Amino acid sequence: MAEKTVKVTLVKSVIGTKQSHRATVKGLGLRRLNSVSVLEDTPAVRGMINKVAYLVKCEG
């Protein structure tokens, strides 16, 4: 059985954002603008994506 994954792209800069939001972006494995990370689709990852939804684009 194939594991469900989600593709996350950083589409907005973290400059001027809260420190906790910067840490969340880093935790998602995103470094610079337009960087992409493919992650396992878990409730924890979904929560992180929801927290910084204004900075990222999510596919899958």
Protein backbone atom coordinates (compact mmCIF):
# COMPACT_ATOMS: atom_id res chain seq x y z
CA MET A 1 0.00 0.00 0.00
CA ALA A 2 1.43 3.36 -1.06
CA GLU A 3 1.79 5.97 1.66
CA LYS A 4 -0.12 9.21 1.26
CA THR A 5 2.11 12.21 0.69
CA VAL A 6 1.60 15.94 0.46
CA LYS A 7 3.74 18.38 -1.55
CA VAL A 8 4.34 21.73 0.14
CA THR A 9 5.84 24.80 -1.57
CA LEU A 10 6.95 28.01 0.16
CA VAL A 11 5.36 30.82 -1.89
CA LYS A 12 5.74 33.80 0.47
CA SER A 13 8.79 35.05 2.38
CA VAL A 14 9.08 34.43 6.12
CA ILE A 15 10.59 37.90 6.64
CA GLY A 16 8.44 39.82 9.13
CA THR A 17 6.54 36.74 10.35
CA LYS A 18 6.32 35.39 13.89
CA GLN A 19 9.27 33.37 15.14
CA SER A 20 7.02 30.33 15.72
CA HIS A 21 5.81 30.49 12.11
CA ARG A 22 9.42 30.61 10.87
CA ALA A 23 10.18 27.55 12.99
CA THR A 24 7.14 25.75 11.54
CA VAL A 25 8.29 26.48 7.97
CA LYS A 26 11.74 25.15 8.87
CA GLY A 27 10.12 22.09 10.45
CA LEU A 28 8.31 21.40 7.19
CA GLY A 29 11.73 21.25 5.50
CA LEU A 30 11.35 24.49 3.56
CA ARG A 31 14.36 26.77 3.27
CA ARG A 32 13.97 29.47 0.65
CA LEU A 33 11.21 30.85 -1.58
CA ASN A 34 9.77 28.27 -4.00
CA SER A 35 11.46 25.38 -2.18
CA VAL A 36 9.41 22.17 -2.26
CA SER A 37 9.10 19.43 0.34
CA VAL A 38 7.26 16.11 -0.03
CA LEU A 39 5.99 14.95 3.35
CA GLU A 40 3.91 12.12 4.76
CA ASP A 41 0.26 13.14 5.09
CA THR A 42 -0.29 12.96 8.86
CA PRO A 43 -2.46 15.04 11.20
CA ALA A 44 0.69 16.66 12.65
CA VAL A 45 1.92 17.76 9.21
CA ARG A 46 -1.57 18.99 8.28
CA GLY A 47 -1.63 21.09 11.46
CA MET A 48 1.73 22.63 10.60
CA ILE A 49 0.51 23.44 7.08
CA ASN A 50 -2.68 25.02 8.46
CA LYS A 51 -0.63 27.18 10.85
CA VAL A 52 1.39 28.74 8.01
CA ALA A 53 -1.24 28.42 5.25
CA TYR A 54 -0.69 32.04 4.22
CA LEU A 55 2.96 31.26 3.39
CA VAL A 56 2.69 27.89 1.64
CA LYS A 57 0.88 26.16 -1.23
CA CYS A 58 -0.21 22.58 -0.65
CA GLU A 59 -0.85 19.90 -3.30
CA GLY A 60 -1.99 16.35 -2.77
